[in-house]
Amino acid sequence: MKQFLRHRTAGEIIAQCIEQGVFFNAERYDKGGDHLVVYLPGPDDTPITVLYNTVSGHFFGDCGDLHFSSENVNLDSLPWFDVMLDFFYVPKE
């Protein structure tokens, strides 16, 4: 299982989204909330919708009919889930 140092801050996530051209919604965060909604490209052009908690680093979302969370260790081996983990967390070197 991949190890991570920490979760990324809201500023880091927003900067990544802008840099990578990933659509996001920061309306809740801008109004004093703790969440960002991020829309990532998924497998076979299936969009991934993620609600990311900027305080805890936990997330949950949907990829087609699959519902997932940051706690789904059984998804670690899927390439799209690994990319998503790297998006939201800082990997250990």
N, C-alpha and C. Protein backbone atom coordinates (compact mmCIF):
# COMPACT_ATOMS: atom_id res chain seq x y z
N MET A 1 0.84 -1.17 0.00
CA MET A 1 0.00 0.00 0.00
C MET A 1 0.89 1.25 0.00
N LYS A 2 0.53 2.20 -0.81
CA LYS A 2 1.27 3.44 -0.92
C LYS A 2 1.15 4.25 0.37
N GLN A 3 2.22 4.94 0.75
CA GLN A 3 2.24 5.75 1.96
C GLN A 3 2.28 7.23 1.59
N PHE A 4 1.67 8.06 2.43
CA PHE A 4 1.60 9.49 2.18
C PHE A 4 2.05 10.27 3.41
N LEU A 5 2.63 11.44 3.18
CA LEU A 5 3.08 12.30 4.27
C LEU A 5 1.91 13.06 4.90
N ARG A 6 1.03 13.60 4.03
CA ARG A 6 -0.06 14.43 4.51
C ARG A 6 -1.05 14.64 3.38
N HIS A 7 -2.21 15.19 3.71
CA HIS A 7 -3.15 15.56 2.66
C HIS A 7 -2.80 16.97 2.17
N ARG A 8 -3.22 17.27 0.97
CA ARG A 8 -2.93 18.57 0.38
C ARG A 8 -3.91 19.62 0.92
N THR A 9 -3.44 20.84 1.01
CA THR A 9 -4.27 21.94 1.47
C THR A 9 -5.24 22.36 0.37
N ALA A 10 -6.22 23.15 0.74
CA ALA A 10 -7.16 23.68 -0.26
C ALA A 10 -6.41 24.47 -1.32
N GLY A 11 -5.45 25.29 -0.89
CA GLY A 11 -4.67 26.07 -1.85
C GLY A 11 -3.90 25.20 -2.83
N GLU A 12 -3.34 24.11 -2.32
CA GLU A 12 -2.61 23.18 -3.20
C GLU A 12 -3.54 22.50 -4.19
N ILE A 13 -4.72 22.09 -3.72
CA ILE A 13 -5.68 21.43 -4.61
C ILE A 13 -6.16 22.40 -5.69
N ILE A 14 -6.51 23.60 -5.29
CA ILE A 14 -6.98 24.60 -6.26
C ILE A 14 -5.89 24.91 -7.28
N ALA A 15 -4.66 25.08 -6.82
CA ALA A 15 -3.54 25.34 -7.74
C ALA A 15 -3.34 24.18 -8.72
N GLN A 16 -3.44 22.95 -8.23
CA GLN A 16 -3.32 21.78 -9.11
C GLN A 16 -4.42 21.76 -10.15
N CYS A 17 -5.65 22.05 -9.71
CA CYS A 17 -6.78 22.07 -10.64
C CYS A 17 -6.54 23.07 -11.75
N ILE A 18 -6.12 24.27 -11.39
CA ILE A 18 -5.87 25.31 -12.38
C ILE A 18 -4.73 24.89 -13.31
N GLU A 19 -3.65 24.39 -12.73
CA GLU A 19 -2.48 23.99 -13.51
C GLU A 19 -2.79 22.86 -14.48
N GLN A 20 -3.63 21.89 -14.04
CA GLN A 20 -3.92 20.71 -14.86
C GLN A 20 -5.21 20.84 -15.67
N GLY A 21 -5.90 21.97 -15.54
CA GLY A 21 -7.14 22.16 -16.28
C GLY A 21 -8.28 21.30 -15.77
N VAL A 22 -8.26 21.00 -14.48
CA VAL A 22 -9.30 20.18 -13.86
C VAL A 22 -10.39 21.11 -13.31
N PHE A 23 -11.64 20.81 -13.64
CA PHE A 23 -12.75 21.62 -13.18
C PHE A 23 -12.99 21.38 -11.69
N PHE A 24 -13.27 22.44 -10.96
CA PHE A 24 -13.56 22.32 -9.53
C PHE A 24 -14.59 23.37 -9.14
N ASN A 25 -15.22 23.15 -8.00
CA ASN A 25 -16.19 24.08 -7.46
C ASN A 25 -15.77 24.38 -6.03
N ALA A 26 -15.40 25.63 -5.77
CA ALA A 26 -14.95 26.04 -4.43
C ALA A 26 -16.00 26.88 -3.72
N GLU A 27 -17.24 26.86 -4.21
CA GLU A 27 -18.28 27.70 -3.63
C GLU A 27 -18.47 27.44 -2.13
N ARG A 28 -18.53 26.18 -1.73
CA ARG A 28 -18.70 25.86 -0.31
C ARG A 28 -17.50 26.34 0.50
N TYR A 29 -16.32 26.14 -0.04
CA TYR A 29 -15.09 26.55 0.64
C TYR A 29 -15.03 28.07 0.76
N ASP A 30 -15.38 28.76 -0.32
CA ASP A 30 -15.34 30.23 -0.33
C ASP A 30 -16.32 30.84 0.67
N LYS A 31 -17.37 30.10 1.00
CA LYS A 31 -18.36 30.58 1.97
C LYS A 31 -18.03 30.15 3.40
N GLY A 32 -16.79 29.71 3.62
CA GLY A 32 -16.35 29.34 4.96
C GLY A 32 -16.45 27.87 5.28
N GLY A 33 -16.81 27.06 4.30
CA GLY A 33 -16.91 25.62 4.52
C GLY A 33 -15.56 24.93 4.39
N ASP A 34 -15.59 23.64 4.55
CA ASP A 34 -14.36 22.84 4.52
C ASP A 34 -14.21 21.99 3.26
N HIS A 35 -15.12 22.11 2.30
CA HIS A 35 -15.13 21.18 1.18
C HIS A 35 -14.89 21.85 -0.17
N LEU A 36 -14.23 21.07 -1.02
CA LEU A 36 -14.09 21.40 -2.43
C LEU A 36 -14.73 20.26 -3.22
N VAL A 37 -15.35 20.58 -4.34
CA VAL A 37 -15.84 19.55 -5.25
C VAL A 37 -14.90 19.57 -6.45
N VAL A 38 -14.35 18.40 -6.77
CA VAL A 38 -13.37 18.29 -7.86
C VAL A 38 -13.90 17.27 -8.86
N TYR A 39 -13.78 17.59 -10.14
CA TYR A 39 -14.25 16.72 -11.22
C TYR A 39 -13.03 16.24 -12.00
N LEU A 40 -12.62 15.01 -11.74
CA LEU A 40 -11.43 14.45 -12.37
C LEU A 40 -11.80 13.55 -13.54
N PRO A 41 -10.91 13.44 -14.52
CA PRO A 41 -11.16 12.48 -15.60
C PRO A 41 -10.94 11.06 -15.08
N GLY A 42 -11.82 10.17 -15.45
CA GLY A 42 -11.71 8.79 -14.97
C GLY A 42 -11.46 7.81 -16.10
N PRO A 43 -11.54 6.53 -15.79
CA PRO A 43 -11.29 5.50 -16.80
C PRO A 43 -12.37 5.51 -17.88
N ASP A 44 -11.96 5.28 -19.11
CA ASP A 44 -12.89 5.21 -20.24
C ASP A 44 -13.79 6.45 -20.33
N ASP A 45 -13.22 7.61 -20.06
CA ASP A 45 -13.93 8.90 -20.13
C ASP A 45 -15.09 9.01 -19.15
N THR A 46 -15.08 8.17 -18.11
CA THR A 46 -16.08 8.27 -17.06
C THR A 46 -15.63 9.35 -16.08
N PRO A 47 -16.43 10.39 -15.88
CA PRO A 47 -16.01 11.45 -14.95
C PRO A 47 -16.03 10.96 -13.50
N ILE A 48 -15.12 11.48 -12.73
CA ILE A 48 -15.06 11.18 -11.30
C ILE A 48 -15.42 12.47 -10.56
N THR A 49 -16.44 12.40 -9.73
CA THR A 49 -16.86 13.54 -8.91
C THR A 49 -16.43 13.27 -7.49
N VAL A 50 -15.65 14.20 -6.91
CA VAL A 50 -15.09 14.00 -5.57
C VAL A 50 -15.44 15.18 -4.67
N LEU A 51 -15.92 14.87 -3.47
CA LEU A 51 -16.09 15.87 -2.43
C LEU A 51 -14.93 15.69 -1.47
N TYR A 52 -14.06 16.71 -1.39
CA TYR A 52 -12.81 16.64 -0.63
C TYR A 52 -12.90 17.54 0.60
N ASN A 53 -12.65 16.97 1.77
CA ASN A 53 -12.64 17.75 3.00
C ASN A 53 -11.24 18.32 3.19
N THR A 54 -11.12 19.64 3.17
CA THR A 54 -9.82 20.30 3.23
C THR A 54 -9.20 20.27 4.62
N VAL A 55 -9.99 19.94 5.64
CA VAL A 55 -9.47 19.87 7.00
C VAL A 55 -8.93 18.48 7.32
N SER A 56 -9.72 17.46 7.02
CA SER A 56 -9.33 16.08 7.37
C SER A 56 -8.57 15.38 6.25
N GLY A 57 -8.76 15.83 5.00
CA GLY A 57 -8.16 15.15 3.87
C GLY A 57 -8.97 13.97 3.38
N HIS A 58 -10.08 13.68 4.02
CA HIS A 58 -10.93 12.57 3.57
C HIS A 58 -11.74 13.02 2.36
N PHE A 59 -12.08 12.06 1.52
CA PHE A 59 -12.91 12.36 0.37
C PHE A 59 -13.84 11.20 0.09
N PHE A 60 -14.88 11.49 -0.64
CA PHE A 60 -15.74 10.44 -1.17
C PHE A 60 -16.30 10.93 -2.50
N GLY A 61 -16.78 9.98 -3.29
CA GLY A 61 -17.29 10.38 -4.59
C GLY A 61 -17.83 9.24 -5.39
N ASP A 62 -18.01 9.52 -6.67
CA ASP A 62 -18.59 8.56 -7.61
C ASP A 62 -17.75 8.50 -8.88
N CYS A 63 -17.63 7.30 -9.40
CA CYS A 63 -17.03 7.07 -10.72
C CYS A 63 -18.00 6.13 -11.43
N GLY A 64 -18.87 6.71 -12.23
CA GLY A 64 -19.94 5.91 -12.82
C GLY A 64 -20.85 5.39 -11.72
N ASP A 65 -21.04 4.07 -11.67
CA ASP A 65 -21.89 3.44 -10.65
C ASP A 65 -21.13 3.11 -9.37
N LEU A 66 -19.83 3.34 -9.37
CA LEU A 66 -19.00 3.00 -8.21
C LEU A 66 -18.93 4.18 -7.24
N HIS A 67 -19.29 3.92 -5.99
CA HIS A 67 -19.18 4.91 -4.92
C HIS A 67 -17.93 4.56 -4.12
N PHE A 68 -17.12 5.54 -3.80
CA PHE A 68 -15.85 5.26 -3.13
C PHE A 68 -15.57 6.33 -2.08
N SER A 69 -14.56 6.04 -1.26
CA SER A 69 -14.07 7.02 -0.30
C SER A 69 -12.57 6.84 -0.16
N SER A 70 -11.95 7.77 0.55
CA SER A 70 -10.51 7.69 0.77
C SER A 70 -10.15 6.47 1.62
N GLU A 71 -11.12 5.83 2.22
CA GLU A 71 -10.89 4.66 3.07
C GLU A 71 -10.95 3.34 2.31
N ASN A 72 -11.26 3.36 1.00
CA ASN A 72 -11.40 2.15 0.21
C ASN A 72 -10.04 1.56 -0.15
N VAL A 73 -9.42 0.83 0.75
CA VAL A 73 -8.10 0.25 0.48
C VAL A 73 -8.16 -0.80 -0.62
N ASN A 74 -9.32 -1.38 -0.88
CA ASN A 74 -9.43 -2.39 -1.93
C ASN A 74 -9.34 -1.78 -3.33
N LEU A 75 -9.35 -0.46 -3.45
CA LEU A 75 -9.23 0.21 -4.74
C LEU A 75 -7.80 0.67 -5.02
N ASP A 76 -6.90 0.48 -4.07
CA ASP A 76 -5.52 0.98 -4.20
C ASP A 76 -4.81 0.52 -5.46
N SER A 77 -5.15 -0.65 -5.97
CA SER A 77 -4.43 -1.18 -7.12
C SER A 77 -4.98 -0.66 -8.45
N LEU A 78 -6.11 0.05 -8.42
CA LEU A 78 -6.67 0.58 -9.66
C LEU A 78 -5.93 1.86 -10.07
N PRO A 79 -5.46 1.93 -11.30
CA PRO A 79 -4.66 3.09 -11.73
C PRO A 79 -5.37 4.43 -11.51
N TRP A 80 -6.66 4.54 -11.81
CA TRP A 80 -7.35 5.82 -11.65
C TRP A 80 -7.45 6.22 -10.18
N PHE A 81 -7.56 5.23 -9.27
CA PHE A 81 -7.64 5.54 -7.85
C PHE A 81 -6.27 5.98 -7.33
N ASP A 82 -5.21 5.35 -7.82
CA ASP A 82 -3.85 5.75 -7.44
C ASP A 82 -3.54 7.18 -7.89
N VAL A 83 -3.98 7.54 -9.09
CA VAL A 83 -3.79 8.91 -9.58
C VAL A 83 -4.55 9.88 -8.68
N MET A 84 -5.75 9.50 -8.28
CA MET A 84 -6.55 10.35 -7.41
C MET A 84 -5.89 10.51 -6.05
N LEU A 85 -5.35 9.44 -5.49
CA LEU A 85 -4.65 9.54 -4.21
C LEU A 85 -3.48 10.51 -4.32
N ASP A 86 -2.71 10.43 -5.40
CA ASP A 86 -1.59 11.33 -5.60
C ASP A 86 -2.07 12.79 -5.78
N PHE A 87 -3.27 12.97 -6.28
CA PHE A 87 -3.83 14.31 -6.46
C PHE A 87 -4.15 14.95 -5.11
N PHE A 88 -4.67 14.16 -4.19
CA PHE A 88 -5.13 14.69 -2.91
C PHE A 88 -4.12 14.56 -1.76
N TYR A 89 -3.10 13.73 -1.94
CA TYR A 89 -2.14 13.49 -0.87
C TYR A 89 -0.71 13.68 -1.37
N VAL A 90 0.19 14.05 -0.47
CA VAL A 90 1.61 14.20 -0.80
C VAL A 90 2.27 12.85 -0.53
N PRO A 91 2.78 12.18 -1.58
CA PRO A 91 3.39 10.86 -1.40
C PRO A 91 4.69 10.94 -0.59
N LYS A 92 4.97 9.88 0.16
CA LYS A 92 6.27 9.75 0.81
C LYS A 92 7.30 9.47 -0.28
N GLU A 93 8.44 10.08 -0.16
CA GLU A 93 9.51 9.87 -1.16
C GLU A 93 10.20 8.56 -0.93
